[in-house]
């Protein structure tokens, strides 16, 4: 139970950090590739600063990443790129609803790879959370098919990250996350105009990279090791109702009734699931 509580707190904190992404993409007026380049580089710099206190041990751990470690690095970098480009290619509503299906992808991969069979209660809670997100953003025919495909790609990479973090608990996740962030920034650099940013944009980009990468990604990877994949995804869905909260606080934009109602559905789904006795949720498998 102590491990479960720690995992819940870590993944919840990562959802809070990641919920600021929509806010940053709104206030930073740059093309997607320039934003990705600087966000990745600042995120990598922030993680490197954290790892610097390890006196080189963390960097030596990169030598033992192995095949699945590199899978984690590359798919994480791809997911970072998919997310921003999806937001700029299709509607935020489509991205939110597609991403809300991640508990089901995570459950499927968790069952195939880890033999963690999701409980009916977990699936029901995920359905309620998905319905809440759909109510928040609405379902329309607008948006582009390319953006929807990118959002689906981001969703799949997140499901893979959850399962890899759960299965390979001894993997050096912080160095891997730093490397993934660096790769996403370097790959995005040639496609945008990153040298044309203003000083104000650079400050916002630094905050964007540090909050979502240097804070959000380590919290997520550390927490995902301690929870079943579907539970990690379900708790991560708290990101959806938190995103409009930041806009309300900073821009004084009152959310619509559907946004409030859908957000409460997501929160209620997570709380009711976590409030269930451990026997109903399904006990986590023993540590190897």
Protein backbone atom coordinates (compact mmCIF):
# COMPACT_ATOMS: atom_id res chain seq x y z
CA UNK A 1 0.00 0.00 0.00
CA UNK A 2 2.89 2.35 0.71
CA UNK A 3 4.31 1.72 -2.76
CA UNK A 4 0.88 2.22 -4.27
CA UNK A 5 0.40 5.52 -2.42
CA UNK A 6 3.81 6.75 -3.55
CA UNK A 7 3.05 5.80 -7.14
CA UNK A 8 -0.29 7.61 -6.99
CA UNK A 9 1.33 10.79 -5.68
CA UNK A 10 4.09 10.74 -8.30
CA UNK A 11 1.77 10.15 -11.27
CA UNK A 12 -0.71 12.73 -9.97
CA UNK A 13 2.11 15.29 -9.70
CA UNK A 14 3.18 14.50 -13.27
CA UNK A 15 -0.41 15.07 -14.45
CA UNK A 16 -0.36 18.50 -12.79
CA UNK A 17 2.91 19.36 -14.54
CA UNK A 18 1.74 18.10 -17.94
CA UNK A 19 -1.60 19.88 -17.66
CA UNK A 20 0.26 23.17 -18.23
CA UNK A 21 1.18 22.16 -21.80
CA UNK A 22 -2.01 23.61 -23.30
CA UNK A 23 -1.39 26.87 -21.47
CA UNK A 24 2.16 27.19 -22.78
CA UNK A 25 1.16 26.34 -26.36
CA UNK A 26 -1.46 29.09 -26.12
CA UNK A 27 0.78 31.88 -24.87
CA UNK A 28 3.88 31.01 -26.95
CA UNK A 29 3.30 32.22 -30.51
CA UNK A 30 5.83 30.13 -32.41
CA UNK A 31 5.66 27.40 -35.02
CA UNK A 32 5.45 23.88 -33.63
CA UNK A 33 8.97 22.86 -34.63
CA UNK A 34 10.65 25.86 -33.00
CA UNK A 35 8.65 25.23 -29.85
CA UNK A 36 9.63 21.54 -29.86
CA UNK A 37 13.30 22.36 -30.41
CA UNK A 38 13.62 24.75 -27.49
CA UNK A 39 11.33 22.78 -25.18
CA UNK A 40 13.39 19.64 -25.77
CA UNK A 41 16.72 21.37 -25.21
CA UNK A 42 15.59 23.18 -22.07
CA UNK A 43 14.02 20.00 -20.74
CA UNK A 44 17.24 18.06 -21.34
CA UNK A 45 19.28 20.81 -19.65
CA UNK A 46 17.01 20.72 -16.61
CA UNK A 47 17.25 16.95 -16.30
CA UNK A 48 21.03 17.09 -16.78
CA UNK A 49 21.25 19.58 -13.92
CA UNK A 50 19.32 17.18 -11.68
CA UNK A 51 21.55 14.27 -12.70
CA UNK A 52 24.72 16.28 -12.13
CA UNK A 53 24.37 15.60 -8.41
CA UNK A 54 24.87 11.90 -9.05
CA UNK A 55 28.61 12.33 -9.66
CA UNK A 56 28.48 10.60 -13.01
CA UNK A 57 26.79 7.41 -11.88
CA UNK A 58 23.58 8.25 -13.71
CA UNK A 59 25.41 8.86 -16.97
CA UNK A 60 27.27 5.57 -16.66
CA UNK A 61 23.85 3.92 -16.35
CA UNK A 62 23.15 4.93 -19.96
CA UNK A 63 25.61 2.25 -21.03
CA UNK A 64 23.23 -0.40 -19.68
CA UNK A 65 20.05 0.85 -21.28
CA UNK A 66 19.72 -2.22 -23.44
CA UNK A 67 17.18 -2.84 -26.19
CA UNK A 68 14.09 -1.88 -24.20
CA UNK A 69 15.83 1.14 -22.76
CA UNK A 70 16.37 2.49 -26.24
CA UNK A 71 12.77 1.66 -27.11
CA UNK A 72 11.74 3.83 -24.17
CA UNK A 73 14.05 6.68 -25.27
CA UNK A 74 13.00 6.70 -28.92
CA UNK A 75 9.28 6.26 -28.36
CA UNK A 76 9.35 8.99 -25.67
CA UNK A 77 11.04 11.39 -28.09
CA UNK A 78 8.49 10.49 -30.77
CA UNK A 79 5.61 11.04 -28.35
CA UNK A 80 6.92 14.53 -27.51
CA UNK A 81 6.95 15.44 -31.18
CA UNK A 82 3.56 13.87 -31.86
CA UNK A 83 1.90 15.85 -29.06
CA UNK A 84 2.81 19.39 -30.15
CA UNK A 85 2.38 18.71 -33.87
CA UNK A 86 -1.02 17.12 -33.19
CA UNK A 87 -2.16 20.23 -31.28
CA UNK A 88 -1.13 22.39 -34.23
CA UNK A 89 -2.66 20.08 -36.88
CA UNK A 90 -6.04 19.11 -35.44
CA UNK A 91 -8.31 20.49 -32.73
CA UNK A 92 -7.49 20.36 -29.03
CA UNK A 93 -10.79 18.50 -28.59
CA UNK A 94 -9.71 15.67 -30.87
CA UNK A 95 -6.32 15.39 -29.17
CA UNK A 96 -7.94 15.29 -25.72
CA UNK A 97 -10.50 12.63 -26.60
CA UNK A 98 -8.01 10.42 -28.44
CA UNK A 99 -5.54 10.67 -25.56
CA UNK A 100 -8.30 9.77 -23.10
CA UNK A 101 -8.29 6.27 -24.62
CA UNK A 102 -4.79 5.60 -23.28
CA UNK A 103 -6.04 3.50 -20.30
CA UNK A 104 -7.43 0.94 -22.74
CA UNK A 105 -4.22 0.75 -24.79
CA UNK A 106 -2.22 0.52 -21.56
CA UNK A 107 -4.51 -2.22 -20.26
CA UNK A 108 -4.13 -4.22 -23.47
CA UNK A 109 -0.34 -3.91 -23.51
CA UNK A 110 -0.18 -4.61 -19.78
CA UNK A 111 -2.10 -7.83 -20.27
CA UNK A 112 -0.03 -8.93 -23.28
CA UNK A 113 3.38 -8.10 -21.79
CA UNK A 114 2.94 -8.26 -18.02
CA UNK A 115 -0.10 -10.53 -17.76
CA UNK A 116 -1.75 -7.85 -15.61
CA UNK A 117 -5.43 -8.45 -16.20
CA UNK A 118 -7.37 -5.20 -15.63
CA UNK A 119 -10.26 -5.43 -13.21
CA UNK A 120 -13.79 -4.61 -14.33
CA UNK A 121 -13.75 -1.70 -11.91
CA UNK A 122 -10.66 -0.22 -13.57
CA UNK A 123 -12.19 -0.53 -17.03
CA UNK A 124 -15.46 1.02 -15.81
CA UNK A 125 -13.59 3.94 -14.22
CA UNK A 126 -11.64 4.47 -17.46
CA UNK A 127 -14.90 4.55 -19.44
CA UNK A 128 -16.33 7.17 -17.10
CA UNK A 129 -13.14 9.25 -17.44
CA UNK A 130 -13.31 8.95 -21.23
CA UNK A 131 -16.95 10.07 -21.19
CA UNK A 132 -15.99 13.00 -18.99
CA UNK A 133 -13.28 14.14 -21.39
CA UNK A 134 -15.70 13.79 -24.33
CA UNK A 135 -18.24 15.93 -22.47
CA UNK A 136 -15.59 18.54 -21.68
CA UNK A 137 -14.37 19.11 -25.22
CA UNK A 138 -17.29 17.89 -27.34
CA UNK A 139 -17.08 15.68 -30.40
CA UNK A 140 -17.09 17.40 -33.75
CA UNK A 141 -16.19 16.67 -37.35
CA UNK A 142 -13.66 19.48 -37.51
CA UNK A 143 -9.95 18.80 -37.43
CA UNK A 144 -7.54 17.02 -39.74
CA UNK A 145 -6.96 13.32 -40.16
CA UNK A 146 -3.18 13.82 -39.94
CA UNK A 147 -3.54 15.49 -36.56
CA UNK A 148 -5.76 12.68 -35.33
CA UNK A 149 -3.17 10.12 -36.45
CA UNK A 150 -0.45 12.06 -34.61
CA UNK A 151 -2.61 12.16 -31.47
CA UNK A 152 -3.12 8.41 -31.76
CA UNK A 153 0.64 7.96 -32.12
CA UNK A 154 1.19 10.02 -28.97
CA UNK A 155 -1.38 7.89 -27.13
CA UNK A 156 0.34 4.67 -28.16
CA UNK A 157 3.77 5.93 -27.11
CA UNK A 158 2.41 6.84 -23.69
CA UNK A 159 0.90 3.37 -23.27
CA UNK A 160 4.23 1.80 -24.22
CA UNK A 161 6.07 4.05 -21.75
CA UNK A 162 3.75 2.97 -18.94
CA UNK A 163 4.28 -0.72 -19.62
CA UNK A 164 8.06 -0.42 -20.09
CA UNK A 165 8.39 1.58 -16.86
CA UNK A 166 6.30 -1.02 -15.02
CA UNK A 167 8.19 -4.03 -16.38
CA UNK A 168 11.79 -2.77 -16.29
CA UNK A 169 11.85 -1.11 -12.88
CA UNK A 170 15.64 -0.99 -12.68
CA UNK A 171 16.04 0.92 -15.92
CA UNK A 172 17.87 4.28 -15.52
CA UNK A 173 14.78 6.34 -16.34
CA UNK A 174 16.08 9.82 -15.58
CA UNK A 175 19.10 9.58 -17.93
CA UNK A 176 16.81 7.96 -20.52
CA UNK A 177 14.29 10.80 -20.18
CA UNK A 178 17.09 13.36 -20.54
CA UNK A 179 18.30 11.65 -23.70
CA UNK A 180 14.75 11.48 -25.12
CA UNK A 181 14.23 15.18 -24.47
CA UNK A 182 17.54 16.04 -26.14
CA UNK A 183 16.73 13.90 -29.19
CA UNK A 184 13.32 15.53 -29.64
CA UNK A 185 14.89 18.99 -29.53
CA UNK A 186 17.74 18.19 -31.92
CA UNK A 187 15.47 16.48 -34.44
CA UNK A 188 13.02 19.40 -34.42
CA UNK A 189 15.65 22.16 -34.76
CA UNK A 190 16.13 22.06 -38.58
CA UNK A 191 12.40 22.19 -39.33
CA UNK A 192 11.56 25.43 -37.53
CA UNK A 193 13.03 28.87 -36.94
CA UNK A 194 14.36 28.53 -33.41
CA UNK A 195 16.88 31.36 -33.80
CA UNK A 196 14.10 33.88 -34.42
CA UNK A 197 12.65 33.69 -30.90
CA UNK A 198 12.41 36.76 -28.68
CA UNK A 199 13.76 37.00 -25.16
CA UNK A 200 10.26 36.69 -23.70
CA UNK A 201 9.52 33.61 -25.78
CA UNK A 202 12.82 32.10 -24.70
CA UNK A 203 11.89 32.54 -21.04
CA UNK A 204 8.48 30.93 -21.59
CA UNK A 205 10.07 28.08 -23.54
CA UNK A 206 12.51 27.48 -20.70
CA UNK A 207 9.61 27.25 -18.26
CA UNK A 208 7.73 24.96 -20.68
CA UNK A 209 10.66 22.57 -20.98
CA UNK A 210 11.50 22.54 -17.29
CA UNK A 211 7.93 22.00 -16.08
CA UNK A 212 6.88 19.33 -18.58
CA UNK A 213 10.20 17.52 -19.08
CA UNK A 214 12.49 18.16 -16.12
CA UNK A 215 9.58 17.84 -13.66
CA UNK A 216 6.70 15.98 -15.32
CA UNK A 217 8.56 13.21 -17.13
CA UNK A 218 10.71 11.99 -14.17
CA UNK A 219 7.69 12.02 -11.86
CA UNK A 220 5.70 9.99 -14.37
CA UNK A 221 8.39 7.38 -15.04
CA UNK A 222 9.14 6.91 -11.34
CA UNK A 223 5.46 6.59 -10.47
CA UNK A 224 4.61 4.29 -13.36
CA UNK A 225 7.01 1.66 -11.96
CA UNK A 226 4.81 1.30 -8.89
CA UNK A 227 1.33 1.00 -10.44
CA UNK A 228 -0.47 -1.25 -12.92
CA UNK A 229 -0.46 0.28 -16.41
CA UNK A 230 -4.20 0.94 -16.54
CA UNK A 231 -4.10 2.64 -13.15
CA UNK A 232 -1.23 4.87 -14.24
CA UNK A 233 -3.23 5.89 -17.30
CA UNK A 234 -6.39 6.47 -15.31
CA UNK A 235 -4.65 8.76 -12.81
CA UNK A 236 -2.93 10.52 -15.70
CA UNK A 237 -6.36 11.42 -17.11
CA UNK A 238 -6.54 14.05 -14.36
CA UNK A 239 -4.49 16.15 -16.77
CA UNK A 240 -7.64 16.87 -18.82
CA UNK A 241 -9.72 18.67 -16.16
CA UNK A 242 -6.63 20.47 -14.82
CA UNK A 243 -5.75 22.07 -18.17
CA UNK A 244 -8.71 24.53 -18.29
CA UNK A 245 -8.07 25.35 -14.63
CA UNK A 246 -4.79 27.06 -15.52
CA UNK A 247 -6.51 29.12 -18.24
CA UNK A 248 -9.20 30.15 -15.75
CA UNK A 249 -6.64 31.17 -13.13
CA UNK A 250 -4.38 33.15 -15.48
CA UNK A 251 -6.85 34.52 -18.04
CA UNK A 252 -10.00 34.64 -15.89
CA UNK A 253 -11.91 32.66 -18.51
CA UNK A 254 -14.81 30.90 -16.83
CA UNK A 255 -15.08 27.30 -18.10
CA UNK A 256 -18.31 26.25 -19.76
CA UNK A 257 -20.78 24.09 -17.87
CA UNK A 258 -19.84 21.07 -20.01
CA UNK A 259 -16.17 21.59 -19.17
CA UNK A 260 -16.90 21.71 -15.45
CA UNK A 261 -19.26 18.72 -15.58
CA UNK A 262 -16.89 16.60 -17.66
CA UNK A 263 -13.95 17.51 -15.44
CA UNK A 264 -15.88 16.46 -12.34
CA UNK A 265 -16.67 13.14 -14.02
CA UNK A 266 -12.96 12.49 -14.60
CA UNK A 267 -12.04 13.40 -11.04
CA UNK A 268 -14.91 11.32 -9.64
CA UNK A 269 -13.86 8.29 -11.72
CA UNK A 270 -10.33 8.43 -10.35
CA UNK A 271 -11.40 9.03 -6.74
CA UNK A 272 -14.03 6.30 -6.71
CA UNK A 273 -11.62 3.79 -8.20
CA UNK A 274 -8.82 4.61 -5.77
CA UNK A 275 -11.22 4.64 -2.83
CA UNK A 276 -12.11 1.01 -3.49
CA UNK A 277 -10.56 -1.66 -1.29
CA UNK A 278 -7.32 -3.12 -2.63
CA UNK A 279 -9.06 -6.45 -3.28
CA UNK A 280 -11.50 -4.78 -5.65
CA UNK A 281 -8.82 -2.84 -7.50
CA UNK A 282 -6.63 -5.89 -7.86
CA UNK A 283 -3.37 -6.20 -6.03
CA UNK A 284 -0.17 -5.29 -7.83
CA UNK A 285 2.08 -8.22 -8.69
CA UNK A 286 4.95 -8.89 -6.36
CA UNK A 287 8.26 -7.16 -6.98
CA UNK A 288 10.71 -9.34 -8.87
